[in-house]
Amino acid sequence: QQQQQQQQQHKWYRSSPNVRCYKCNRIGHFAQDCYSKNY
């Protein structure tokens, strides 16, 4: 159950519109999930 809860939290964070990527400065994803590989 704890693992499932962590997965749900992780999924929420990835889809949160309030996060900002510090690589490309766009909102909606983390730098580790950044699709701009040029940075």
PDB file of N, CA and C in Angstrom:
ATOM      1  N   GLN A   1       0.833  -1.203   0.000  1.00  0.00           N
ATOM      2  CA  GLN A   1       0.000   0.000   0.000  1.00  0.00           C
ATOM      3  C   GLN A   1       0.871   1.258   0.000  1.00  0.00           C
ATOM      4  N   GLN A   2       1.962   1.219   0.720  1.00  0.00           N
ATOM      5  CA  GLN A   2       2.843   2.386   0.758  1.00  0.00           C
ATOM      6  C   GLN A   2       3.449   2.652  -0.619  1.00  0.00           C
ATOM      7  N   GLN A   3       3.830   1.581  -1.309  1.00  0.00           N
ATOM      8  CA  GLN A   3       4.407   1.738  -2.640  1.00  0.00           C
ATOM      9  C   GLN A   3       3.381   2.344  -3.603  1.00  0.00           C
ATOM     10  N   GLN A   4       2.149   1.887  -3.503  1.00  0.00           N
ATOM     11  CA  GLN A   4       1.092   2.421  -4.356  1.00  0.00           C
ATOM     12  C   GLN A   4       0.876   3.907  -4.077  1.00  0.00           C
ATOM     13  N   GLN A   5       0.928   4.284  -2.815  1.00  0.00           N
ATOM     14  CA  GLN A   5       0.751   5.684  -2.442  1.00  0.00           C
ATOM     15  C   GLN A   5       1.887   6.533  -3.003  1.00  0.00           C
ATOM     16  N   GLN A   6       3.107   6.040  -2.946  1.00  0.00           N
ATOM     17  CA  GLN A   6       4.246   6.770  -3.488  1.00  0.00           C
ATOM     18  C   GLN A   6       4.113   6.934  -4.995  1.00  0.00           C
ATOM     19  N   GLN A   7       3.647   5.901  -5.673  1.00  0.00           N
ATOM     20  CA  GLN A   7       3.464   5.982  -7.114  1.00  0.00           C
ATOM     21  C   GLN A   7       2.408   7.016  -7.463  1.00  0.00           C
ATOM     22  N   GLN A   8       1.339   7.064  -6.684  1.00  0.00           N
ATOM     23  CA  GLN A   8       0.298   8.049  -6.939  1.00  0.00           C
ATOM     24  C   GLN A   8       0.828   9.459  -6.704  1.00  0.00           C
ATOM     25  N   GLN A   9       1.601   9.650  -5.658  1.00  0.00           N
ATOM     26  CA  GLN A   9       2.200  10.960  -5.395  1.00  0.00           C
ATOM     27  C   GLN A   9       3.124  11.351  -6.533  1.00  0.00           C
ATOM     28  N   HIS A  10       3.960  10.423  -6.960  1.00  0.00           N
ATOM     29  CA  HIS A  10       4.929  10.693  -8.019  1.00  0.00           C
ATOM     30  C   HIS A  10       4.206  11.072  -9.307  1.00  0.00           C
ATOM     31  N   LYS A  11       3.150  10.348  -9.605  1.00  0.00           N
ATOM     32  CA  LYS A  11       2.368  10.638 -10.800  1.00  0.00           C
ATOM     33  C   LYS A  11       1.746  12.026 -10.703  1.00  0.00           C
ATOM     34  N   TRP A  12       1.276  12.393  -9.506  1.00  0.00           N
ATOM     35  CA  TRP A  12       0.672  13.705  -9.320  1.00  0.00           C
ATOM     36  C   TRP A  12       1.692  14.810  -9.548  1.00  0.00           C
ATOM     37  N   TYR A  13       2.892  14.615  -9.017  1.00  0.00           N
ATOM     38  CA  TYR A  13       3.919  15.633  -9.175  1.00  0.00           C
ATOM     39  C   TYR A  13       4.301  15.821 -10.636  1.00  0.00           C
ATOM     40  N   ARG A  14       4.401  14.734 -11.365  1.00  0.00           N
ATOM     41  CA  ARG A  14       4.790  14.819 -12.774  1.00  0.00           C
ATOM     42  C   ARG A  14       3.738  15.544 -13.609  1.00  0.00           C
ATOM     43  N   SER A  15       2.490  15.414 -13.220  1.00  0.00           N
ATOM     44  CA  SER A  15       1.421  16.008 -14.014  1.00  0.00           C
ATOM     45  C   SER A  15       0.966  17.354 -13.455  1.00  0.00           C
ATOM     46  N   SER A  16       1.623  17.812 -12.421  1.00  0.00           N
ATOM     47  CA  SER A  16       1.218  19.059 -11.785  1.00  0.00           C
ATOM     48  C   SER A  16       1.565  20.261 -12.658  1.00  0.00           C
ATOM     49  N   PRO A  17       0.623  21.141 -12.898  1.00  0.00           N
ATOM     50  CA  PRO A  17       0.907  22.329 -13.704  1.00  0.00           C
ATOM     51  C   PRO A  17       1.665  23.405 -12.930  1.00  0.00           C
ATOM     52  N   ASN A  18       1.912  23.151 -11.648  1.00  0.00           N
ATOM     53  CA  ASN A  18       2.557  24.165 -10.813  1.00  0.00           C
ATOM     54  C   ASN A  18       4.065  24.014 -10.721  1.00  0.00           C
ATOM     55  N   VAL A  19       4.618  22.987 -11.340  1.00  0.00           N
ATOM     56  CA  VAL A  19       6.060  22.800 -11.272  1.00  0.00           C
ATOM     57  C   VAL A  19       6.717  23.463 -12.470  1.00  0.00           C
ATOM     58  N   ARG A  20       7.951  23.919 -12.272  1.00  0.00           N
ATOM     59  CA  ARG A  20       8.664  24.585 -13.355  1.00  0.00           C
ATOM     60  C   ARG A  20      10.016  23.920 -13.575  1.00  0.00           C
ATOM     61  N   CYS A  21      10.333  23.683 -14.803  1.00  0.00           N
ATOM     62  CA  CYS A  21      11.607  23.083 -15.177  1.00  0.00           C
ATOM     63  C   CYS A  21      12.696  24.151 -15.127  1.00  0.00           C
ATOM     64  N   TYR A  22      13.796  23.849 -14.446  1.00  0.00           N
ATOM     65  CA  TYR A  22      14.864  24.843 -14.364  1.00  0.00           C
ATOM     66  C   TYR A  22      15.800  24.775 -15.562  1.00  0.00           C
ATOM     67  N   LYS A  23      15.616  23.797 -16.431  1.00  0.00           N
ATOM     68  CA  LYS A  23      16.443  23.701 -17.639  1.00  0.00           C
ATOM     69  C   LYS A  23      15.896  24.589 -18.751  1.00  0.00           C
ATOM     70  N   CYS A  24      14.600  24.476 -19.002  1.00  0.00           N
ATOM     71  CA  CYS A  24      14.008  25.258 -20.093  1.00  0.00           C
ATOM     72  C   CYS A  24      13.065  26.340 -19.581  1.00  0.00           C
ATOM     73  N   ASN A  25      12.837  26.351 -18.253  1.00  0.00           N
ATOM     74  CA  ASN A  25      12.002  27.361 -17.599  1.00  0.00           C
ATOM     75  C   ASN A  25      10.531  27.289 -18.000  1.00  0.00           C
ATOM     76  N   ARG A  26      10.111  26.123 -18.474  1.00  0.00           N
ATOM     77  CA  ARG A  26       8.702  25.946 -18.811  1.00  0.00           C
ATOM     78  C   ARG A  26       7.965  25.302 -17.654  1.00  0.00           C
ATOM     79  N   ILE A  27       6.677  25.541 -17.579  1.00  0.00           N
ATOM     80  CA  ILE A  27       5.850  25.017 -16.501  1.00  0.00           C
ATOM     81  C   ILE A  27       5.249  23.676 -16.912  1.00  0.00           C
ATOM     82  N   GLY A  28       5.141  22.776 -15.938  1.00  0.00           N
ATOM     83  CA  GLY A  28       4.423  21.530 -16.165  1.00  0.00           C
ATOM     84  C   GLY A  28       5.261  20.277 -16.088  1.00  0.00           C
ATOM     85  N   HIS A  29       6.577  20.421 -15.953  1.00  0.00           N
ATOM     86  CA  HIS A  29       7.429  19.241 -15.820  1.00  0.00           C
ATOM     87  C   HIS A  29       8.697  19.601 -15.083  1.00  0.00           C
ATOM     88  N   PHE A  30       9.379  18.559 -14.589  1.00  0.00           N
ATOM     89  CA  PHE A  30      10.654  18.745 -13.917  1.00  0.00           C
ATOM     90  C   PHE A  30      11.792  18.674 -14.922  1.00  0.00           C
ATOM     91  N   ALA A  31      12.950  19.136 -14.516  1.00  0.00           N
ATOM     92  CA  ALA A  31      14.121  19.096 -15.382  1.00  0.00           C
ATOM     93  C   ALA A  31      14.463  17.670 -15.786  1.00  0.00           C
ATOM     94  N   GLN A  32      14.279  16.722 -14.881  1.00  0.00           N
ATOM     95  CA  GLN A  32      14.596  15.328 -15.208  1.00  0.00           C
ATOM     96  C   GLN A  32      13.650  14.772 -16.271  1.00  0.00           C
ATOM     97  N   ASP A  33      12.503  15.408 -16.438  1.00  0.00           N
ATOM     98  CA  ASP A  33      11.544  14.983 -17.452  1.00  0.00           C
ATOM     99  C   ASP A  33      11.552  15.924 -18.652  1.00  0.00           C
ATOM    100  N   CYS A  34      12.526  16.803 -18.689  1.00  0.00           N
ATOM    101  CA  CYS A  34      12.570  17.821 -19.735  1.00  0.00           C
ATOM    102  C   CYS A  34      12.763  17.182 -21.105  1.00  0.00           C
ATOM    103  N   TYR A  35      11.954  17.612 -22.040  1.00  0.00           N
ATOM    104  CA  TYR A  35      12.042  17.086 -23.397  1.00  0.00           C
ATOM    105  C   TYR A  35      13.028  17.898 -24.232  1.00  0.00           C
ATOM    106  N   SER A  36      13.517  19.006 -23.681  1.00  0.00           N
ATOM    107  CA  SER A  36      14.525  19.801 -24.371  1.00  0.00           C
ATOM    108  C   SER A  36      15.899  19.277 -23.986  1.00  0.00           C
ATOM    109  N   LYS A  37      16.404  18.333 -24.723  1.00  0.00           N
ATOM    110  CA  LYS A  37      17.668  17.678 -24.392  1.00  0.00           C
ATOM    111  C   LYS A  37      18.871  18.563 -24.706  1.00  0.00           C
ATOM    112  N   ASN A  38      18.644  19.721 -25.280  1.00  0.00           N
ATOM    113  CA  ASN A  38      19.739  20.613 -25.654  1.00  0.00           C
ATOM    114  C   ASN A  38      20.327  21.354 -24.465  1.00  0.00           C
ATOM    115  N   TYR A  39      19.694  21.282 -23.313  1.00  0.00           N
ATOM    116  CA  TYR A  39      20.143  22.028 -22.133  1.00  0.00           C
ATOM    117  C   TYR A  39      21.083  21.210 -21.286  1.00  0.00           C
TER     118      TYR A  39
END
